[in-house]
Amino acid sequence: MLAQDGVNLDLAPSADLDSNPANPIIGVRSFGADPDRVAAHTVAFTEGIQSHRVAACAKHFPGHGRTDTDSHLTLPVVDASLSELRASDLVPFQAAIGAGIRSVMTAHVVFSAIDPEPATVSHRLLTGLLREELGFGGVIVTDALEMAAIGDDETSAQGAVRSLAAGADLLCLPANADAQLLARRSLSDAIRDGTVSARRVAESAARVRALAQWAQASPASAAEPALGAGAAGRALIVDAPGVPLSTPPYVLDAGGKMSSLLDDVTASLLGVLRRREPAVDGVRLTEPEPSGAGPGGDGPGDLDAIIERGGTRPLVLVVRDAHRRPWQRQLLGRVLARRPDAIVVGTGTAHDRHLAPGRYLGTRGAGRVNLEAVADVLLGGTGEGRS
């Protein structure tokens, strides 16, 4: 599909391990927690997408799965040793390199036992480990430099200079013309004063040119969206009785993608179910305000009234990573206390499963195809109404 539209670089797959249930940023982007299984899927992804001359990009080197903070908001620190990384986190990256992956993205993460600097600006990790030890000869791409872990907003370009000096080739700059011009000036100044050598810049430029020459996106066959639907169906965790449901359910949906850029059908299971069956009813729930208001802006006692509106209809509660979100965990507990017959749909990782044993449907993702797959289970059918 990317090749059909002329896109020749995909900043995927995530080669990170889902090794820390408290991780707020990797989650369903990971293929799992087992290094060998993640490696196998990373290789399959790489070989598949690059067969269409679309470059793949393994991220976030040397691994973002161990963190318990979000590098968009702060600088995560991991204390794992290099030997520990070699035995786990680095396994998928090594496999991807062996499969000929064309690019690797850096992690805005400090690996304190190796270098006090974040990997994105670490010569030890990018040049010493990735280039020299693992033998990667392709393009090193930084993660977004305006993320708080690096802090290259429109007023700073030091991260761009430091990452290039460390061994990066492509710099993800802020989507702001002033910030990009500042980065250009800062890099020019760094070359003139010797902070970054002209040879280092020439190496990066050569790698980027080689990538551009190779990545001539050309679809070898028509896109097959049904393949994604089949994969989403096979990925489901079905641990709930009484499905498909005999009557249209009442849905409390706290598990969708809350974004003004996404319509209701795209963003929520409730929307997908309503599109399939107009008789489905329900409510979208959002995180309470700090003032103590309940989900969706209702008062603390209003959840009981919201549940009551469903009457005797089957009740479906949708959550997303409730195991690490206290408000969703509290919501789940209150709903099951009132309606122990409710079915809980988890649209994040499988780490929610233990919160609703015997009542759980897990999607391993909140994408449209994941929501359609669980709608098949709840309403019956094999994708009626998909587009």
Protein backbone atom coordinates (compact mmCIF):
# COMPACT_ATOMS: atom_id res chain seq x y z
CA MET A 1 0.00 0.00 0.00
CA LEU A 2 2.87 2.38 0.78
CA ALA A 3 4.57 1.51 -2.50
CA GLN A 4 1.37 2.19 -4.43
CA ASP A 5 1.35 5.73 -3.05
CA GLY A 6 5.08 6.28 -3.67
CA VAL A 7 6.16 6.18 -0.02
CA ASN A 8 9.68 4.74 0.11
CA LEU A 9 10.61 4.83 3.82
CA ASP A 10 8.49 3.42 6.66
CA LEU A 11 9.64 4.21 10.20
CA ALA A 12 8.74 0.71 11.35
CA PRO A 13 8.87 -1.95 12.68
CA SER A 14 9.27 -1.58 16.41
CA ALA A 15 11.97 -4.08 17.37
CA ASP A 16 11.49 -3.23 21.06
CA LEU A 17 10.56 -5.92 23.56
CA ASP A 18 7.33 -5.59 25.54
CA SER A 19 9.32 -6.46 28.64
CA ASN A 20 7.90 -3.93 31.11
CA PRO A 21 4.12 -3.85 31.67
CA ALA A 22 4.48 -0.31 33.06
CA ASN A 23 5.92 0.99 29.78
CA PRO A 24 3.66 3.86 28.67
CA ILE A 25 4.90 4.27 25.10
CA ILE A 26 5.84 0.96 23.42
CA GLY A 27 2.86 -1.27 24.23
CA VAL A 28 1.12 -2.78 21.20
CA ARG A 29 3.80 -1.48 18.84
CA SER A 30 5.99 -4.33 20.09
CA PHE A 31 5.73 -7.87 18.70
CA GLY A 32 5.99 -9.25 22.24
CA ALA A 33 8.35 -9.98 25.11
CA ASP A 34 10.29 -12.96 23.77
CA PRO A 35 13.47 -11.81 21.96
CA ASP A 36 13.44 -14.65 19.43
CA ARG A 37 9.78 -14.19 18.51
CA VAL A 38 10.21 -10.44 18.20
CA ALA A 39 13.27 -11.05 16.04
CA ALA A 40 11.34 -13.42 13.76
CA HIS A 41 8.50 -10.92 13.27
CA THR A 42 10.94 -8.05 12.77
CA VAL A 43 12.70 -10.00 10.04
CA ALA A 44 9.40 -10.98 8.38
CA PHE A 45 8.25 -7.34 8.40
CA THR A 46 11.58 -6.17 7.01
CA GLU A 47 11.71 -8.71 4.22
CA GLY A 48 8.08 -8.17 3.28
CA ILE A 49 8.12 -4.40 3.06
CA GLN A 50 11.56 -4.17 1.48
CA SER A 51 10.49 -6.62 -1.25
CA HIS A 52 8.51 -3.62 -2.57
CA ARG A 53 11.58 -1.37 -2.37
CA VAL A 54 10.15 0.45 0.64
CA ALA A 55 12.87 0.83 3.28
CA ALA A 56 12.10 -0.50 6.75
CA CYS A 57 13.44 1.06 9.97
CA ALA A 58 13.99 -0.96 13.16
CA LYS A 59 13.38 1.12 16.27
CA HIS A 60 14.22 2.23 18.96
CA PHE A 61 17.88 1.21 19.20
CA PRO A 62 19.16 -0.26 21.48
CA GLY A 63 15.68 -0.87 22.90
CA HIS A 64 12.87 1.17 24.49
CA GLY A 65 10.94 -1.71 26.03
CA ARG A 66 12.49 -1.61 29.51
CA THR A 67 11.51 1.99 30.23
CA ASP A 68 8.68 3.05 32.52
CA THR A 69 8.52 6.65 31.30
CA ASP A 70 7.66 8.27 27.97
CA SER A 71 10.57 9.91 26.14
CA HIS A 72 8.11 12.36 24.57
CA LEU A 73 7.74 13.83 28.08
CA THR A 74 10.97 13.08 29.96
CA LEU A 75 14.35 11.32 29.61
CA PRO A 76 14.06 7.62 30.52
CA VAL A 77 17.01 5.90 32.21
CA VAL A 78 17.69 2.15 31.99
CA ASP A 79 20.37 0.50 34.15
CA ALA A 80 20.73 -2.75 32.16
CA SER A 81 24.28 -3.78 31.35
CA LEU A 82 25.54 -4.30 27.82
CA SER A 83 25.65 -8.06 28.39
CA GLU A 84 21.97 -8.00 29.41
CA LEU A 85 21.10 -6.03 26.28
CA ARG A 86 23.03 -8.46 24.09
CA ALA A 87 21.01 -11.35 25.52
CA SER A 88 17.62 -9.71 25.01
CA ASP A 89 16.96 -6.23 23.64
CA LEU A 90 19.61 -6.37 20.92
CA VAL A 91 18.51 -9.74 19.52
CA PRO A 92 15.80 -8.32 17.20
CA PHE A 93 18.11 -5.55 15.97
CA GLN A 94 20.86 -8.03 15.18
CA ALA A 95 18.34 -10.15 13.28
CA ALA A 96 17.07 -7.13 11.35
CA ILE A 97 20.61 -6.18 10.37
CA GLY A 98 21.20 -9.75 9.20
CA ALA A 99 18.04 -9.48 7.08
CA GLY A 100 19.38 -6.37 5.35
CA ILE A 101 17.24 -3.70 6.99
CA ARG A 102 18.00 -0.32 5.45
CA SER A 103 17.61 1.96 8.47
CA VAL A 104 17.57 1.94 12.27
CA MET A 105 16.00 4.57 14.56
CA THR A 106 17.61 5.67 17.82
CA ALA A 107 16.10 5.68 21.31
CA HIS A 108 15.98 8.83 23.44
CA VAL A 109 16.96 6.66 26.41
CA VAL A 110 20.00 6.74 28.73
CA PHE A 111 21.64 3.35 29.29
CA SER A 112 23.55 4.41 32.38
CA ALA A 113 25.82 1.36 32.59
CA ILE A 114 27.10 2.14 29.09
CA ASP A 115 26.96 5.91 28.58
CA PRO A 116 25.50 8.83 30.59
CA GLU A 117 24.23 10.35 27.33
CA PRO A 118 20.97 9.30 25.61
CA ALA A 119 21.49 6.73 22.85
CA THR A 120 20.51 9.28 20.20
CA VAL A 121 23.60 11.35 21.00
CA SER A 122 25.87 8.52 22.18
CA HIS A 123 28.94 7.80 20.03
CA ARG A 124 29.49 4.67 22.11
CA LEU A 125 26.07 3.26 21.19
CA LEU A 126 25.59 4.50 17.63
CA THR A 127 29.13 4.20 16.26
CA GLY A 128 30.73 1.77 18.69
CA LEU A 129 27.87 -0.69 19.19
CA LEU A 130 25.55 -0.33 16.19
CA ARG A 131 28.12 0.38 13.49
CA GLU A 132 31.28 -1.38 14.64
CA GLU A 133 30.08 -4.27 16.78
CA LEU A 134 26.76 -5.14 15.09
CA GLY A 135 28.00 -4.23 11.63
CA PHE A 136 25.13 -2.00 10.53
CA GLY A 137 26.02 -0.08 7.38
CA GLY A 138 22.67 1.54 6.58
CA VAL A 139 21.09 4.84 7.62
CA ILE A 140 20.75 5.74 11.30
CA VAL A 141 17.63 7.87 11.86
CA THR A 142 17.05 9.84 15.05
CA ASP A 143 13.76 9.74 16.85
CA ALA A 144 12.00 13.13 16.85
CA LEU A 145 14.49 15.64 18.24
CA GLU A 146 11.84 17.95 19.67
CA MET A 147 10.75 15.30 22.16
CA ALA A 148 11.38 16.39 25.74
CA ALA A 149 14.11 13.75 26.22
CA ILE A 150 16.30 15.71 23.76
CA GLY A 151 14.54 19.06 23.67
CA ASP A 152 15.36 20.41 20.21
CA ASP A 153 12.37 22.72 19.87
CA GLU A 154 12.29 25.84 17.71
CA THR A 155 14.86 27.52 19.98
CA SER A 156 17.51 24.77 20.08
CA ALA A 157 19.41 22.58 17.65
CA GLN A 158 22.10 21.10 19.91
CA GLY A 159 20.54 17.65 19.73
CA ALA A 160 20.85 17.73 15.95
CA VAL A 161 24.55 18.60 16.19
CA ARG A 162 25.27 16.03 18.90
CA SER A 163 23.39 13.19 17.16
CA LEU A 164 25.19 13.80 13.87
CA ALA A 165 28.53 13.82 15.68
CA ALA A 166 27.58 10.56 17.43
CA GLY A 167 26.89 8.78 14.13
CA ALA A 168 23.30 9.56 13.09
CA ASP A 169 22.58 10.24 9.42
CA LEU A 170 18.97 11.43 9.14
CA LEU A 171 17.72 13.96 11.69
CA CYS A 172 14.02 14.12 12.61
CA LEU A 173 13.59 17.86 13.08
CA PRO A 174 10.54 19.78 14.32
CA ALA A 175 7.88 20.45 11.69
CA ASN A 176 8.67 24.13 11.88
CA ALA A 177 10.61 26.08 9.24
CA ASP A 178 12.40 28.29 11.79
CA ALA A 179 13.55 25.25 13.77
CA GLN A 180 14.82 23.59 10.60
CA LEU A 181 16.75 26.70 9.53
CA LEU A 182 18.24 26.95 13.02
CA ALA A 183 19.37 23.33 12.79
CA ARG A 184 20.97 24.02 9.42
CA ARG A 185 22.84 27.04 10.75
CA SER A 186 23.91 25.19 13.87
CA LEU A 187 25.22 22.26 11.84
CA SER A 188 27.11 24.61 9.52
CA ASP A 189 28.68 26.35 12.53
CA ALA A 190 29.59 22.96 14.05
CA ILE A 191 31.37 21.91 10.86
CA ARG A 192 33.29 25.19 10.71
CA ASP A 193 34.45 25.02 14.34
CA GLY A 194 35.31 21.32 14.12
CA THR A 195 32.61 20.01 16.47
CA VAL A 196 31.43 17.83 13.59
CA SER A 197 33.95 16.85 10.95
CA ALA A 198 33.30 17.35 7.25
CA ARG A 199 34.14 13.68 6.81
CA ARG A 200 31.36 12.70 9.25
CA VAL A 201 28.85 14.77 7.23
CA ALA A 202 30.07 13.29 3.94
CA GLU A 203 29.59 9.76 5.33
CA SER A 204 26.00 10.51 6.29
CA ALA A 205 25.24 12.20 3.00
CA ALA A 206 26.56 9.18 1.10
CA ARG A 207 24.42 6.78 3.14
CA VAL A 208 21.30 8.89 2.61
CA ARG A 209 21.94 9.11 -1.14
CA ALA A 210 22.42 5.35 -1.31
CA LEU A 211 19.14 4.80 0.54
CA ALA A 212 17.30 7.16 -1.81
CA GLN A 213 18.72 5.38 -4.85
CA TRP A 214 17.71 1.97 -3.51
CA ALA A 215 14.26 2.93 -2.22
CA GLN A 216 12.35 3.18 -5.50
CA ALA A 217 8.93 2.17 -4.21
CA SER A 218 7.34 -0.17 -6.74
CA PRO A 219 4.32 -2.33 -5.88
CA ALA A 220 4.87 -5.88 -7.05
CA SER A 221 1.23 -6.80 -6.47
CA ALA A 222 -2.08 -5.27 -5.49
CA ALA A 223 -2.61 -4.46 -1.82
CA GLU A 224 -4.58 -7.09 0.09
CA PRO A 225 -6.35 -5.45 3.06
CA ALA A 226 -7.92 -8.81 3.94
CA LEU A 227 -4.50 -10.01 5.08
CA GLY A 228 -4.55 -7.43 7.87
CA ALA A 229 -8.08 -8.39 8.85
CA GLY A 230 -7.07 -12.02 9.09
CA ALA A 231 -4.04 -11.21 11.22
CA ALA A 232 -6.13 -9.07 13.57
CA GLY A 233 -8.61 -11.91 13.97
CA ARG A 234 -5.87 -14.42 14.79
CA ALA A 235 -4.37 -12.00 17.32
CA LEU A 236 -7.55 -11.84 19.43
CA ILE A 237 -7.59 -13.22 22.96
CA VAL A 238 -11.04 -14.74 23.49
CA ASP A 239 -11.67 -15.63 27.15
CA ALA A 240 -15.35 -14.78 27.54
CA PRO A 241 -18.56 -16.83 27.44
CA GLY A 242 -21.70 -16.06 25.50
CA VAL A 243 -20.24 -14.64 22.32
CA PRO A 244 -21.50 -13.74 19.84
CA LEU A 245 -24.07 -11.83 21.85
CA SER A 246 -27.75 -12.65 21.41
CA THR A 247 -28.87 -9.01 21.51
CA PRO A 248 -27.17 -5.66 20.73
CA PRO A 249 -25.03 -4.61 23.70
CA TYR A 250 -24.74 -1.49 25.80
CA VAL A 251 -21.12 -0.29 25.59
CA LEU A 252 -19.03 1.75 28.01
CA ASP A 253 -16.03 2.69 25.86
CA ALA A 254 -12.89 3.99 27.57
CA GLY A 255 -10.47 2.25 25.22
CA GLY A 256 -10.47 4.10 21.93
CA LYS A 257 -8.09 6.61 20.43
CA MET A 258 -9.22 9.95 21.78
CA SER A 259 -8.35 12.38 19.00
CA SER A 260 -10.21 15.20 17.28
CA LEU A 261 -8.60 13.99 14.03
CA LEU A 262 -10.40 10.63 14.13
CA ASP A 263 -14.10 10.07 13.56
CA ASP A 264 -16.15 7.98 15.98
CA VAL A 265 -16.11 4.82 13.87
CA THR A 266 -12.35 4.93 13.36
CA ALA A 267 -11.58 5.81 16.97
CA SER A 268 -13.76 3.52 19.08
CA LEU A 269 -15.26 0.06 19.35
CA LEU A 270 -18.57 1.72 20.18
CA GLY A 271 -18.49 3.49 16.81
CA VAL A 272 -17.59 0.33 14.93
CA LEU A 273 -20.38 -1.63 16.63
CA ARG A 274 -22.93 1.12 15.93
CA ARG A 275 -21.98 1.11 12.27
CA ARG A 276 -22.55 -2.64 12.13
CA GLU A 277 -25.73 -2.59 14.23
CA PRO A 278 -27.56 0.72 14.79
CA ALA A 279 -29.37 -0.76 17.82
CA VAL A 280 -26.09 -0.77 19.78
CA ASP A 281 -26.11 1.92 22.46
CA GLY A 282 -23.47 3.23 24.82
CA VAL A 283 -21.24 6.01 26.15
CA ARG A 284 -17.67 7.13 25.48
CA LEU A 285 -15.76 7.62 28.75
CA THR A 286 -12.64 9.76 29.25
CA GLU A 287 -10.21 10.24 32.10
CA PRO A 288 -11.56 12.20 35.07
CA GLU A 289 -10.42 15.76 35.62
CA PRO A 290 -8.09 16.36 38.59
CA SER A 291 -11.01 18.04 40.35
CA GLY A 292 -12.44 14.60 40.98
CA ALA A 293 -15.08 14.45 38.30
CA GLY A 294 -15.91 10.97 37.13
CA PRO A 295 -15.26 9.43 33.72
CA GLY A 296 -16.50 11.53 30.83
CA GLY A 297 -16.86 14.60 33.04
CA ASP A 298 -19.71 13.14 35.10
CA GLY A 299 -19.73 13.37 38.88
CA PRO A 300 -18.29 10.46 40.88
CA GLY A 301 -21.70 8.96 41.53
CA ASP A 302 -22.89 9.20 37.93
CA LEU A 303 -21.19 6.00 36.76
CA ASP A 304 -23.89 3.99 38.51
CA ALA A 305 -26.52 5.92 36.59
CA ILE A 306 -24.64 5.41 33.33
CA ILE A 307 -24.53 1.66 33.93
CA GLU A 308 -28.21 1.65 34.88
CA ARG A 309 -29.15 3.08 31.47
CA GLY A 310 -28.12 -0.20 29.89
CA GLY A 311 -30.88 -2.06 31.69
CA THR A 312 -30.63 -5.81 31.15
CA ARG A 313 -28.80 -5.60 27.84
CA PRO A 314 -25.41 -7.30 27.56
CA LEU A 315 -22.79 -4.89 28.89
CA VAL A 316 -19.42 -4.40 27.19
CA LEU A 317 -16.70 -2.37 28.89
CA VAL A 318 -13.77 -1.23 26.73
CA VAL A 319 -10.47 -0.32 28.40
CA ARG A 320 -6.93 0.32 27.19
CA ASP A 321 -3.98 -0.71 29.37
CA ALA A 322 -5.99 -0.54 32.59
CA HIS A 323 -3.15 -2.38 34.36
CA ARG A 324 -1.13 0.86 34.36
CA ARG A 325 -3.91 3.46 34.36
CA PRO A 326 -5.47 3.82 37.81
CA TRP A 327 -8.63 5.54 36.60
CA GLN A 328 -9.37 2.73 34.15
CA ARG A 329 -8.58 0.08 36.73
CA GLN A 330 -11.00 1.77 39.15
CA LEU A 331 -13.61 2.00 36.39
CA LEU A 332 -13.23 -1.68 35.60
CA GLY A 333 -13.62 -2.64 39.25
CA ARG A 334 -16.75 -0.54 39.71
CA VAL A 335 -18.38 -1.85 36.54
CA LEU A 336 -17.71 -5.50 37.37
CA ALA A 337 -18.99 -4.97 40.91
CA ARG A 338 -22.31 -3.78 39.47
CA ARG A 339 -22.37 -6.06 36.43
CA PRO A 340 -20.21 -9.16 36.98
CA ASP A 341 -21.62 -10.52 33.71
CA ALA A 342 -20.00 -7.69 31.70
CA ILE A 343 -17.52 -8.51 28.96
CA VAL A 344 -14.26 -6.54 29.19
CA VAL A 345 -12.55 -5.66 25.92
CA GLY A 346 -8.90 -4.65 26.24
CA THR A 347 -7.59 -2.66 23.26
CA GLY A 348 -4.02 -2.38 24.52
CA THR A 349 -1.48 -5.04 25.45
CA ALA A 350 -2.46 -8.38 26.96
CA HIS A 351 -1.33 -7.20 30.40
CA ASP A 352 -4.99 -6.31 31.21
CA ARG A 353 -6.14 -9.91 30.96
CA HIS A 354 -5.64 -10.80 34.62
CA LEU A 355 -8.03 -7.99 35.64
CA ALA A 356 -11.05 -9.77 34.15
CA PRO A 357 -10.39 -13.53 34.02
CA GLY A 358 -13.11 -15.41 32.18
CA ARG A 359 -14.69 -12.13 31.02
CA TYR A 360 -11.98 -10.85 28.65
CA LEU A 361 -11.58 -10.15 24.94
CA GLY A 362 -8.16 -8.76 24.00
CA THR A 363 -7.43 -7.09 20.67
CA ARG A 364 -3.71 -6.25 21.08
CA GLY A 365 -4.36 -2.92 19.36
CA ALA A 366 -6.82 -0.06 18.91
CA GLY A 367 -6.52 0.22 15.14
CA ARG A 368 -9.61 0.02 12.96
CA VAL A 369 -8.79 -3.55 11.92
CA ASN A 370 -8.47 -4.64 15.58
CA LEU A 371 -11.82 -3.12 16.48
CA GLU A 372 -13.49 -4.75 13.47
CA ALA A 373 -12.09 -8.13 14.53
CA VAL A 374 -13.57 -7.92 18.03
CA ALA A 375 -16.86 -6.66 16.55
CA ASP A 376 -16.97 -9.91 14.56
CA VAL A 377 -16.74 -11.84 17.83
CA LEU A 378 -19.34 -9.76 19.67
CA LEU A 379 -21.93 -9.48 16.88
CA GLY A 380 -21.06 -12.52 14.80
CA GLY A 381 -20.00 -12.49 11.17
CA THR A 382 -16.69 -12.10 9.41
CA GLY A 383 -16.33 -8.43 8.70
CA GLU A 384 -19.71 -7.29 7.37
CA GLY A 385 -19.66 -3.55 7.03
CA ARG A 386 -15.90 -3.23 6.71
CA SER A 387 -14.46 -0.75 4.29
